[in-house]
């Protein structure tokens, strides 16, 4: 290994992948109104700016993790960051919505390849279990910090209009970050050959290890990639696109016949995908998704809670950013400042919840959901033209962040606590894939409700009405998540 500094420097280097991927999700959330105005896109176009990124990430996440086994984790890490950076550049210079959304899809796909490699380096760099747990904690805090920075920059950069770039800066900022990270990785990052570590069934570790399966820890390179389920990836992505795309375009086009045809096609595609996964499992070929995991009751409950929770997670940012900026006339910079308080609340609660869940289990999760619901009720009262005051908005957003920070790590821990350490890598990969699907569904469905109620009357009253209806839907989803959480076991797993 080439020497520079210490393994902690290399930890920061491999964490650049998760930093860039999370930054680009949250920075867009706040900048959506500026992007729509600058690119002259429709409501559906700006929904796709978010959705295509997460679809690309979800469809290729598991494949991205296994690609490192065949091509080398260092090589895939560097190539992934370079493609992500070039795709960011393409986003920044896009002249129409088609160019922007194609570039966003490529961003998501490249993120699915670079992020798992960064995670897989951590057990190699930190063979000591105590140091490894600390390293995963730092890695998670970097991801959380990226979300806060993204929310701030998503509001601040479009208002600066530096070099007349405006909203394009939110993508172009990735250029120096990405190229510096790739250069440093090429020069200093070693290629890792992992010995299989002993993983504790610990929520902190399980939350961070997304694709640390047996093959990533020293399995056959030929077996890990040549037997990969390319057909499964194609079917999975087609099923997602044929279901989500008509949800977005159908509303603004008056639901033409092709939208119903796409909906109909998505059903057999999903069934064929599930049949293919079962067939591969029965023939001892590694499937994209191990459907045997669904036999675990608590894991299945965890996937359902994640599905409905993450439908709220990103749709919240979409409708709030649009309502604040377009409906209530709040500047982009001030909107970003508002969301920073939400992010600070998230960071504080996420650190506290890791310790609390060990003692109080599912009740921490239920308390977090309750906090989010109560905060959203205050959102309905406060986020109106006649009651909008910064001094009131900030604590309400901070409280919402506290709820989010309590829910996210706790939900992951509760979902995987009954999973054996041998299945932890596969289960966490499935969980994170469901997470991305839910984000796409939430932006498509809840965002669709918002734009449907808004209609063509672009006045403050119409925005407020649309926002309140969409927020009530999110409250209903969170209530359902809270009910599902009651079915988790209370006692901590002793496995």
Protein backbone atom coordinates (compact mmCIF):
# COMPACT_ATOMS: atom_id res chain seq x y z
CA UNK A 1 0.00 0.00 0.00
CA UNK A 2 1.27 3.42 -0.85
CA UNK A 3 1.72 5.44 2.26
CA UNK A 4 0.02 8.74 2.94
CA UNK A 5 -1.25 9.91 6.26
CA UNK A 6 -3.26 7.02 7.68
CA UNK A 7 -6.16 4.71 7.06
CA UNK A 8 -8.41 7.47 8.36
CA UNK A 9 -7.40 9.59 5.37
CA UNK A 10 -8.32 6.66 3.11
CA UNK A 11 -11.65 6.40 4.93
CA UNK A 12 -12.40 10.00 4.00
CA UNK A 13 -11.35 9.22 0.44
CA UNK A 14 -13.68 6.23 0.00
CA UNK A 15 -16.44 8.19 1.75
CA UNK A 16 -16.33 10.71 -1.10
CA UNK A 17 -18.59 8.35 -3.07
CA UNK A 18 -21.45 8.42 -0.56
CA UNK A 19 -20.89 12.15 -0.04
CA UNK A 20 -21.33 12.92 -3.75
CA UNK A 21 -24.32 10.59 -4.21
CA UNK A 22 -26.23 11.94 -1.19
CA UNK A 23 -25.26 15.54 -1.99
CA UNK A 24 -26.73 15.24 -5.47
CA UNK A 25 -30.02 13.89 -4.19
CA UNK A 26 -30.60 16.60 -1.58
CA UNK A 27 -29.15 19.50 -3.54
CA UNK A 28 -31.69 18.88 -6.30
CA UNK A 29 -34.60 18.62 -3.85
CA UNK A 30 -34.28 22.27 -2.84
CA UNK A 31 -33.28 23.57 -6.28
CA UNK A 32 -36.23 22.00 -8.14
CA UNK A 33 -38.15 25.30 -8.62
CA UNK A 34 -35.02 27.01 -9.99
CA UNK A 35 -34.34 24.08 -12.33
CA UNK A 36 -37.91 24.11 -13.66
CA UNK A 37 -37.73 27.82 -14.39
CA UNK A 38 -34.26 27.68 -15.92
CA UNK A 39 -34.86 24.68 -18.16
CA UNK A 40 -38.48 25.66 -18.91
CA UNK A 41 -39.69 22.17 -18.02
CA UNK A 42 -43.08 20.81 -17.05
CA UNK A 43 -44.09 19.46 -13.65
CA UNK A 44 -43.46 15.92 -14.92
CA UNK A 45 -40.00 16.90 -16.14
CA UNK A 46 -38.88 18.07 -12.73
CA UNK A 47 -40.31 14.96 -11.06
CA UNK A 48 -38.19 12.89 -13.45
CA UNK A 49 -35.08 14.86 -12.43
CA UNK A 50 -35.38 13.16 -9.04
CA UNK A 51 -36.95 9.87 -10.08
CA UNK A 52 -34.56 8.85 -12.86
CA UNK A 53 -31.61 9.32 -10.49
CA UNK A 54 -33.06 6.94 -7.89
CA UNK A 55 -34.31 4.43 -10.49
CA UNK A 56 -30.82 4.18 -11.96
CA UNK A 57 -29.39 3.77 -8.47
CA UNK A 58 -31.96 1.15 -7.41
CA UNK A 59 -31.76 -0.97 -10.55
CA UNK A 60 -27.96 -1.23 -10.58
CA UNK A 61 -27.10 -1.12 -6.86
CA UNK A 62 -26.65 -4.87 -6.40
CA UNK A 63 -24.90 -5.23 -9.74
CA UNK A 64 -22.60 -2.36 -8.80
CA UNK A 65 -21.54 -4.12 -5.62
CA UNK A 66 -20.67 -7.33 -7.45
CA UNK A 67 -18.86 -5.56 -10.29
CA UNK A 68 -16.04 -4.79 -7.87
CA UNK A 69 -15.45 -8.53 -7.37
CA UNK A 70 -14.75 -9.02 -11.06
CA UNK A 71 -13.08 -5.80 -12.19
CA UNK A 72 -11.47 -4.83 -8.89
CA UNK A 73 -12.99 -2.52 -6.29
CA UNK A 74 -10.44 0.23 -6.83
CA UNK A 75 -11.00 0.25 -10.60
CA UNK A 76 -14.79 0.31 -10.30
CA UNK A 77 -14.61 2.98 -7.60
CA UNK A 78 -12.51 5.31 -9.78
CA UNK A 79 -14.47 4.68 -12.98
CA UNK A 80 -17.76 5.15 -11.11
CA UNK A 81 -16.68 8.53 -9.72
CA UNK A 82 -15.37 9.69 -13.11
CA UNK A 83 -18.60 8.76 -14.91
CA UNK A 84 -20.63 10.37 -12.11
CA UNK A 85 -18.56 13.55 -12.50
CA UNK A 86 -18.94 13.62 -16.29
CA UNK A 87 -22.69 13.01 -15.95
CA UNK A 88 -22.83 15.93 -13.49
CA UNK A 89 -21.09 18.07 -16.09
CA UNK A 90 -23.66 16.98 -18.69
CA UNK A 91 -26.46 17.94 -16.26
CA UNK A 92 -24.88 21.34 -15.75
CA UNK A 93 -24.68 22.06 -19.47
CA UNK A 94 -28.02 20.48 -20.45
CA UNK A 95 -30.02 22.62 -22.89
CA UNK A 96 -33.36 20.82 -22.52
CA UNK A 97 -35.17 18.49 -20.17
CA UNK A 98 -34.36 15.36 -22.18
CA UNK A 99 -30.62 15.99 -21.92
CA UNK A 100 -30.93 16.76 -18.21
CA UNK A 101 -32.96 13.66 -17.37
CA UNK A 102 -30.78 11.28 -19.39
CA UNK A 103 -27.76 12.68 -17.57
CA UNK A 104 -29.52 12.24 -14.22
CA UNK A 105 -30.18 8.58 -15.05
CA UNK A 106 -26.48 8.08 -15.81
CA UNK A 107 -25.63 9.81 -12.53
CA UNK A 108 -27.81 7.35 -10.63
CA UNK A 109 -26.34 4.32 -12.39
CA UNK A 110 -22.75 5.45 -11.79
CA UNK A 111 -23.58 6.13 -8.11
CA UNK A 112 -24.77 2.52 -7.85
CA UNK A 113 -21.29 1.38 -8.89
CA UNK A 114 -19.12 3.77 -6.88
CA UNK A 115 -20.93 3.69 -3.51
CA UNK A 116 -20.72 -0.09 -2.79
CA UNK A 117 -16.98 -0.08 -3.50
CA UNK A 118 -16.43 2.66 -0.92
CA UNK A 119 -18.34 0.64 1.66
CA UNK A 120 -16.47 -2.57 0.83
CA UNK A 121 -13.10 -0.88 1.46
CA UNK A 122 -13.92 -0.18 5.12
CA UNK A 123 -13.54 -3.77 6.46
CA UNK A 124 -10.28 -4.02 4.51
CA UNK A 125 -8.91 -0.77 5.94
CA UNK A 126 -10.14 -1.56 9.47
CA UNK A 127 -9.73 -5.28 10.28
CA UNK A 128 -10.15 -4.50 13.98
CA UNK A 129 -13.87 -4.71 14.78
CA UNK A 130 -13.90 -1.78 17.21
CA UNK A 131 -12.12 0.49 14.75
CA UNK A 132 -14.39 -0.75 11.96
CA UNK A 133 -17.49 0.20 13.94
CA UNK A 134 -16.06 3.67 14.50
CA UNK A 135 -15.23 3.92 10.79
CA UNK A 136 -18.79 3.01 9.80
CA UNK A 137 -20.03 5.65 12.24
CA UNK A 138 -17.85 8.28 10.57
CA UNK A 139 -19.01 7.06 7.16
CA UNK A 140 -22.64 7.46 8.21
CA UNK A 141 -22.01 10.92 9.63
CA UNK A 142 -20.44 11.96 6.31
CA UNK A 143 -23.59 10.84 4.51
CA UNK A 144 -25.73 12.82 6.96
CA UNK A 145 -23.51 15.87 6.62
CA UNK A 146 -23.81 15.64 2.82
CA UNK A 147 -27.61 15.83 3.12
CA UNK A 148 -27.38 19.04 5.17
CA UNK A 149 -24.80 20.63 2.87
CA UNK A 150 -26.90 19.62 -0.14
CA UNK A 151 -30.00 21.31 1.24
CA UNK A 152 -28.05 24.52 1.89
CA UNK A 153 -26.28 24.61 -1.47
CA UNK A 154 -29.48 23.70 -3.31
CA UNK A 155 -30.95 26.95 -2.07
CA UNK A 156 -27.85 29.12 -2.03
CA UNK A 157 -26.20 28.37 -5.40
CA UNK A 158 -29.15 29.19 -7.70
CA UNK A 159 -29.47 32.61 -6.01
CA UNK A 160 -25.78 33.47 -6.40
CA UNK A 161 -25.94 33.12 -10.20
CA UNK A 162 -22.14 32.99 -10.22
CA UNK A 163 -20.83 33.33 -13.82
CA UNK A 164 -24.53 33.53 -14.79
CA UNK A 165 -24.70 29.77 -14.21
CA UNK A 166 -27.63 29.87 -11.74
CA UNK A 167 -29.09 26.41 -11.05
CA UNK A 168 -26.37 24.77 -13.18
CA UNK A 169 -23.90 25.32 -10.34
CA UNK A 170 -25.59 22.61 -8.27
CA UNK A 171 -24.24 20.06 -10.78
CA UNK A 172 -21.01 21.77 -11.85
CA UNK A 173 -19.81 21.87 -8.23
CA UNK A 174 -19.23 18.12 -8.56
CA UNK A 175 -16.48 18.61 -11.14
CA UNK A 176 -13.61 19.61 -8.81
CA UNK A 177 -14.84 17.27 -6.06
CA UNK A 178 -15.16 14.26 -8.34
CA UNK A 179 -11.91 14.68 -10.27
CA UNK A 180 -9.86 15.32 -7.10
CA UNK A 181 -11.38 12.21 -5.45
CA UNK A 182 -10.64 10.07 -8.54
CA UNK A 183 -7.05 11.36 -8.75
CA UNK A 184 -6.35 10.71 -5.07
CA UNK A 185 -7.95 7.26 -5.29
CA UNK A 186 -5.78 6.36 -8.29
CA UNK A 187 -2.62 7.47 -6.50
CA UNK A 188 -3.18 6.26 -2.93
CA UNK A 189 -6.03 3.75 -2.71
CA UNK A 190 -4.90 0.09 -2.63
CA UNK A 191 -6.78 -2.77 -4.24
CA UNK A 192 -8.43 -4.76 -1.48
CA UNK A 193 -8.70 -8.52 -1.10
CA UNK A 194 -10.98 -9.08 1.84
CA UNK A 195 -10.77 -11.86 4.33
CA UNK A 196 -14.25 -12.67 5.52
CA UNK A 197 -14.75 -10.72 8.77
CA UNK A 198 -16.93 -11.73 11.66
CA UNK A 199 -19.85 -9.32 11.64
CA UNK A 200 -21.76 -8.67 14.82
CA UNK A 201 -25.52 -8.43 14.36
CA UNK A 202 -25.19 -4.80 15.28
CA UNK A 203 -27.52 -2.14 13.95
CA UNK A 204 -24.71 0.34 13.37
CA UNK A 205 -22.70 -2.11 11.28
CA UNK A 206 -25.68 -3.54 9.43
CA UNK A 207 -26.85 -0.06 8.54
CA UNK A 208 -23.58 0.76 6.81
CA UNK A 209 -22.73 -2.58 5.11
CA UNK A 210 -24.95 -2.50 2.06
CA UNK A 211 -23.34 -5.10 -0.17
CA UNK A 212 -20.84 -6.93 1.98
CA UNK A 213 -21.81 -10.43 0.87
CA UNK A 214 -19.69 -13.55 0.83
CA UNK A 215 -18.45 -13.10 -2.70
CA UNK A 216 -17.32 -9.53 -1.98
CA UNK A 217 -15.22 -10.92 0.85
CA UNK A 218 -13.05 -13.22 -1.18
CA UNK A 219 -15.32 -15.33 -3.43
CA UNK A 220 -14.61 -16.41 -6.97
CA UNK A 221 -14.42 -13.49 -9.37
CA UNK A 222 -15.59 -15.63 -12.28
CA UNK A 223 -18.60 -16.96 -10.39
CA UNK A 224 -19.55 -13.57 -8.97
CA UNK A 225 -19.93 -11.85 -12.33
CA UNK A 226 -20.35 -14.42 -15.08
CA UNK A 227 -23.38 -15.87 -13.32
CA UNK A 228 -24.79 -12.42 -12.60
CA UNK A 229 -28.47 -11.94 -13.35
CA UNK A 230 -28.36 -9.49 -16.25
CA UNK A 231 -31.87 -10.55 -17.30
CA UNK A 232 -33.08 -9.75 -13.78
CA UNK A 233 -31.63 -6.24 -13.96
CA UNK A 234 -33.33 -5.61 -17.32
CA UNK A 235 -36.71 -6.95 -16.14
CA UNK A 236 -36.47 -5.04 -12.86
CA UNK A 237 -35.70 -1.72 -14.52
CA UNK A 238 -38.37 -2.19 -17.21
CA UNK A 239 -40.98 -3.03 -14.57
CA UNK A 240 -40.08 0.13 -12.63
CA UNK A 241 -40.12 2.42 -15.66
CA UNK A 242 -43.38 1.05 -17.11
CA UNK A 243 -45.09 1.57 -13.77
CA UNK A 244 -43.67 4.93 -12.65
CA UNK A 245 -43.32 6.81 -15.96
CA UNK A 246 -47.07 6.82 -16.80
CA UNK A 247 -47.83 8.00 -13.24
CA UNK A 248 -45.80 11.13 -13.97
CA UNK A 249 -46.70 11.80 -17.59
CA UNK A 250 -50.28 10.55 -17.53
CA UNK A 251 -51.64 13.34 -15.34
CA UNK A 252 -50.26 16.21 -17.41
CA UNK A 253 -51.17 14.58 -20.75
CA UNK A 254 -54.74 13.67 -19.83
CA UNK A 255 -54.10 9.92 -19.40
CA UNK A 256 -53.73 8.82 -23.03
CA UNK A 257 -54.10 5.15 -23.98
CA UNK A 258 -50.36 4.42 -23.87
CA UNK A 259 -50.22 5.18 -20.13
CA UNK A 260 -52.71 2.39 -19.40
CA UNK A 261 -50.84 0.05 -21.74
CA UNK A 262 -47.61 0.74 -19.82
CA UNK A 263 -49.37 0.12 -16.50
CA UNK A 264 -50.68 -3.17 -17.85
CA UNK A 265 -47.27 -4.23 -19.17
CA UNK A 266 -45.64 -3.53 -15.79
CA UNK A 267 -47.68 -6.33 -14.17
CA UNK A 268 -46.45 -9.27 -16.31
CA UNK A 269 -42.93 -7.81 -16.25
CA UNK A 270 -43.00 -7.88 -12.44
CA UNK A 271 -44.37 -11.44 -12.40
CA UNK A 272 -41.75 -12.62 -14.91
CA UNK A 273 -39.05 -10.99 -12.78
CA UNK A 274 -40.25 -12.81 -9.65
CA UNK A 275 -40.51 -16.11 -11.55
CA UNK A 276 -36.98 -15.63 -12.91
CA UNK A 277 -35.65 -14.94 -9.40
CA UNK A 278 -37.31 -18.08 -8.02
CA UNK A 279 -36.02 -20.16 -10.94
CA UNK A 280 -32.43 -18.94 -10.47
CA UNK A 281 -32.60 -19.68 -6.77
CA UNK A 282 -33.89 -23.20 -7.45
CA UNK A 283 -31.11 -23.89 -9.97
CA UNK A 284 -28.39 -22.73 -7.55
CA UNK A 285 -27.66 -19.62 -9.64
CA UNK A 286 -27.34 -16.39 -7.68
CA UNK A 287 -30.44 -14.21 -8.15
CA UNK A 288 -30.53 -10.44 -8.18
CA UNK A 289 -32.86 -10.50 -5.17
CA UNK A 290 -33.02 -13.46 -2.80
CA UNK A 291 -36.80 -13.91 -2.48
CA UNK A 292 -36.31 -16.36 0.38
CA UNK A 293 -35.68 -13.33 2.56
CA UNK A 294 -39.38 -12.51 2.29
CA UNK A 295 -40.14 -15.60 4.34
CA UNK A 296 -38.74 -13.74 7.34
CA UNK A 297 -41.80 -12.03 8.83
CA UNK A 298 -40.03 -9.14 10.50
CA UNK A 299 -37.89 -8.40 7.46
CA UNK A 300 -41.03 -8.28 5.30
CA UNK A 301 -42.65 -5.91 7.80
CA UNK A 302 -39.49 -3.80 7.64
CA UNK A 303 -39.70 -3.60 3.84
CA UNK A 304 -43.33 -2.49 4.03
CA UNK A 305 -42.51 0.20 6.60
CA UNK A 306 -39.59 1.36 4.43
CA UNK A 307 -41.80 1.42 1.33
CA UNK A 308 -44.42 3.72 2.83
CA UNK A 309 -41.97 5.77 4.89
CA UNK A 310 -39.66 6.63 1.99
CA UNK A 311 -42.65 7.59 -0.13
CA UNK A 312 -42.98 10.44 2.36
CA UNK A 313 -39.25 11.19 2.69
CA UNK A 314 -38.46 12.78 -0.66
CA UNK A 315 -41.96 13.89 -1.64
CA UNK A 316 -41.77 16.04 1.51
CA UNK A 317 -38.82 17.98 0.12
CA UNK A 318 -40.40 18.30 -3.33
CA UNK A 319 -43.72 19.76 -2.22
CA UNK A 320 -42.19 21.96 0.50
CA UNK A 321 -39.55 23.44 -1.81
CA UNK A 322 -42.15 24.25 -4.48
CA UNK A 323 -44.71 25.57 -1.99
CA UNK A 324 -42.22 27.79 -0.16
CA UNK A 325 -40.58 29.25 -3.28
CA UNK A 326 -43.37 29.37 -5.86
CA UNK A 327 -46.38 29.56 -3.57
CA UNK A 328 -45.21 31.71 -0.66
CA UNK A 329 -42.47 33.69 -2.42
CA UNK A 330 -39.62 32.56 -0.15
CA UNK A 331 -36.22 32.97 -1.80
CA UNK A 332 -34.19 29.95 -2.82
CA UNK A 333 -31.47 30.82 -0.29
CA UNK A 334 -33.89 31.17 2.61
CA UNK A 335 -35.57 27.88 1.67
CA UNK A 336 -32.18 26.18 1.80
CA UNK A 337 -31.55 27.80 5.19
CA UNK A 338 -34.89 26.46 6.46
CA UNK A 339 -34.03 22.92 5.38
CA UNK A 340 -30.63 23.11 7.05
CA UNK A 341 -32.44 23.22 10.41
CA UNK A 342 -34.33 20.11 9.40
CA UNK A 343 -30.97 18.48 8.57
CA UNK A 344 -29.41 19.49 11.87
CA UNK A 345 -32.30 17.89 13.73
CA UNK A 346 -31.78 14.76 11.66
CA UNK A 347 -28.07 14.52 12.48
CA UNK A 348 -28.62 14.99 16.22
CA UNK A 349 -31.38 12.40 16.43
CA UNK A 350 -29.59 9.83 14.25
CA UNK A 351 -26.66 9.66 16.68
CA UNK A 352 -28.92 9.43 19.72
CA UNK A 353 -31.28 6.83 18.24
CA UNK A 354 -28.49 4.28 17.66
CA UNK A 355 -28.05 4.02 21.43
CA UNK A 356 -31.73 4.34 22.34
CA UNK A 357 -32.91 1.54 20.03
CA UNK A 358 -30.74 -0.98 21.89
CA UNK A 359 -32.71 -0.33 25.05
CA UNK A 360 -36.18 0.66 23.87
CA UNK A 361 -36.48 -1.13 20.52
CA UNK A 362 -39.53 -0.39 18.40
CA UNK A 363 -40.81 2.30 20.76
CA UNK A 364 -38.02 4.59 19.57
CA UNK A 365 -39.29 4.09 16.03
CA UNK A 366 -42.90 4.77 17.01
CA UNK A 367 -41.85 7.91 18.89
CA UNK A 368 -39.98 9.16 15.81
CA UNK A 369 -43.00 8.57 13.57
CA UNK A 370 -45.22 10.37 16.09
CA UNK A 371 -42.84 13.34 16.12
CA UNK A 372 -42.95 13.57 12.32
CA UNK A 373 -46.75 13.40 12.25
CA UNK A 374 -47.09 16.10 14.90
CA UNK A 375 -44.60 18.30 13.06
CA UNK A 376 -46.48 17.90 9.76
CA UNK A 377 -49.68 18.98 11.51
CA UNK A 378 -47.88 22.18 12.48
CA UNK A 379 -46.65 22.49 8.88
CA UNK A 380 -50.28 22.69 7.78
CA UNK A 381 -50.95 25.53 10.20
CA UNK A 382 -47.75 27.55 9.80
CA UNK A 383 -46.76 27.26 6.12
CA UNK A 384 -49.35 29.72 4.86
CA UNK A 385 -48.89 33.29 3.67
CA UNK A 386 -50.60 34.85 6.70
CA UNK A 387 -48.72 32.77 9.32
CA UNK A 388 -45.28 32.32 7.73
CA UNK A 389 -42.64 33.56 10.17
CA UNK A 390 -39.06 32.33 10.26
CA UNK A 391 -38.99 32.19 14.05
CA UNK A 392 -41.88 29.70 13.97
CA UNK A 393 -40.84 27.75 10.87
CA UNK A 394 -37.34 26.87 12.10
CA UNK A 395 -38.30 24.90 15.26
CA UNK A 396 -41.04 23.05 13.34
CA UNK A 397 -38.57 21.95 10.66
CA UNK A 398 -36.02 21.08 13.36
CA UNK A 399 -38.62 18.88 15.07
CA UNK A 400 -39.39 17.15 11.78
CA UNK A 401 -35.67 16.47 11.37
CA UNK A 402 -35.54 14.98 14.86
CA UNK A 403 -38.30 12.59 13.86
CA UNK A 404 -36.53 11.62 10.63
CA UNK A 405 -33.23 11.09 12.38
CA UNK A 406 -34.92 8.84 14.91
CA UNK A 407 -36.75 6.77 12.30
CA UNK A 408 -34.15 6.09 9.61
CA UNK A 409 -31.40 4.20 11.49
CA UNK A 410 -33.91 2.61 13.88
CA UNK A 411 -36.10 1.29 11.06
CA UNK A 412 -33.09 -0.28 9.39
CA UNK A 413 -31.94 -1.90 12.63
CA UNK A 414 -35.42 -3.25 13.44
CA UNK A 415 -35.86 -4.59 9.91
CA UNK A 416 -32.60 -6.54 9.90
CA UNK A 417 -32.29 -7.56 13.55
CA UNK A 418 -33.80 -11.00 12.88
CA UNK A 419 -31.59 -11.61 9.83
CA UNK A 420 -28.59 -13.89 10.27
CA UNK A 421 -25.12 -12.44 9.71
CA UNK A 422 -24.75 -14.71 6.64
CA UNK A 423 -27.77 -13.03 5.02
CA UNK A 424 -27.01 -9.50 6.23
CA UNK A 425 -25.35 -8.34 3.00
CA UNK A 426 -28.13 -9.66 0.74
CA UNK A 427 -30.87 -8.35 3.05
CA UNK A 428 -29.40 -4.86 3.32
CA UNK A 429 -29.03 -4.73 -0.46
CA UNK A 430 -32.71 -5.61 -0.90
CA UNK A 431 -33.69 -3.08 1.76
CA UNK A 432 -31.76 -0.26 0.11
CA UNK A 433 -33.23 -1.17 -3.29
CA UNK A 434 -36.74 -0.95 -1.83
CA UNK A 435 -35.77 2.38 -0.31
CA UNK A 436 -34.92 3.84 -3.73
CA UNK A 437 -38.09 2.42 -5.31
CA UNK A 438 -40.16 4.03 -2.56
CA UNK A 439 -38.51 7.41 -3.13
CA UNK A 440 -39.40 7.21 -6.82
CA UNK A 441 -42.99 6.19 -6.04
CA UNK A 442 -43.38 8.97 -3.48
CA UNK A 443 -42.14 11.69 -5.82
CA UNK A 444 -44.37 10.31 -8.58
CA UNK A 445 -47.55 9.73 -6.58
CA UNK A 446 -47.47 12.41 -3.85
CA UNK A 447 -45.96 14.91 -6.27
CA UNK A 448 -48.71 13.96 -8.73
CA UNK A 449 -51.37 14.65 -6.10
CA UNK A 450 -49.81 18.05 -5.42
CA UNK A 451 -49.70 19.06 -9.09
CA UNK A 452 -53.20 17.68 -9.75
CA UNK A 453 -54.74 19.81 -6.98
CA UNK A 454 -52.64 22.80 -8.03
CA UNK A 455 -53.90 22.68 -11.61
CA UNK A 456 -53.38 25.82 -13.69
CA UNK A 457 -54.28 28.37 -10.98
CA UNK A 458 -50.77 29.38 -9.95
CA UNK A 459 -51.67 31.64 -7.05
CA UNK A 460 -50.85 31.50 -3.36
CA UNK A 461 -54.21 30.01 -2.39
CA UNK A 462 -53.91 27.22 -5.00
CA UNK A 463 -50.37 26.34 -3.88
CA UNK A 464 -51.45 26.25 -0.23
CA UNK A 465 -54.43 24.03 -1.00
CA UNK A 466 -52.31 21.63 -3.06
CA UNK A 467 -49.66 21.56 -0.35
CA UNK A 468 -52.17 20.80 2.39
CA UNK A 469 -53.79 17.93 0.49
CA UNK A 470 -50.42 16.36 -0.37
CA UNK A 471 -49.23 16.77 3.23
CA UNK A 472 -52.39 15.11 4.54
CA UNK A 473 -51.61 12.15 2.29
CA UNK A 474 -48.12 12.02 3.79
CA UNK A 475 -49.58 12.12 7.30
CA UNK A 476 -51.87 9.20 6.42
CA UNK A 477 -48.88 7.21 5.12
CA UNK A 478 -46.93 7.91 8.32
CA UNK A 479 -49.86 6.77 10.44
CA UNK A 480 -49.87 3.51 8.47
CA UNK A 481 -46.10 3.19 9.02
CA UNK A 482 -46.67 3.69 12.77
CA UNK A 483 -49.25 0.88 12.80
CA UNK A 484 -46.85 -1.45 10.96
CA UNK A 485 -44.12 -0.65 13.48
CA UNK A 486 -46.27 -2.10 16.25
CA UNK A 487 -45.74 -5.55 14.70
CA UNK A 488 -41.98 -5.44 15.21
CA UNK A 489 -40.73 -7.49 18.19
CA UNK A 490 -39.86 -5.42 21.23
CA UNK A 491 -37.04 -7.52 22.63
CA UNK A 492 -33.59 -7.10 21.24
CA UNK A 493 -32.38 -10.02 19.10
CA UNK A 494 -29.88 -12.25 20.90
CA UNK A 495 -28.52 -13.77 17.72
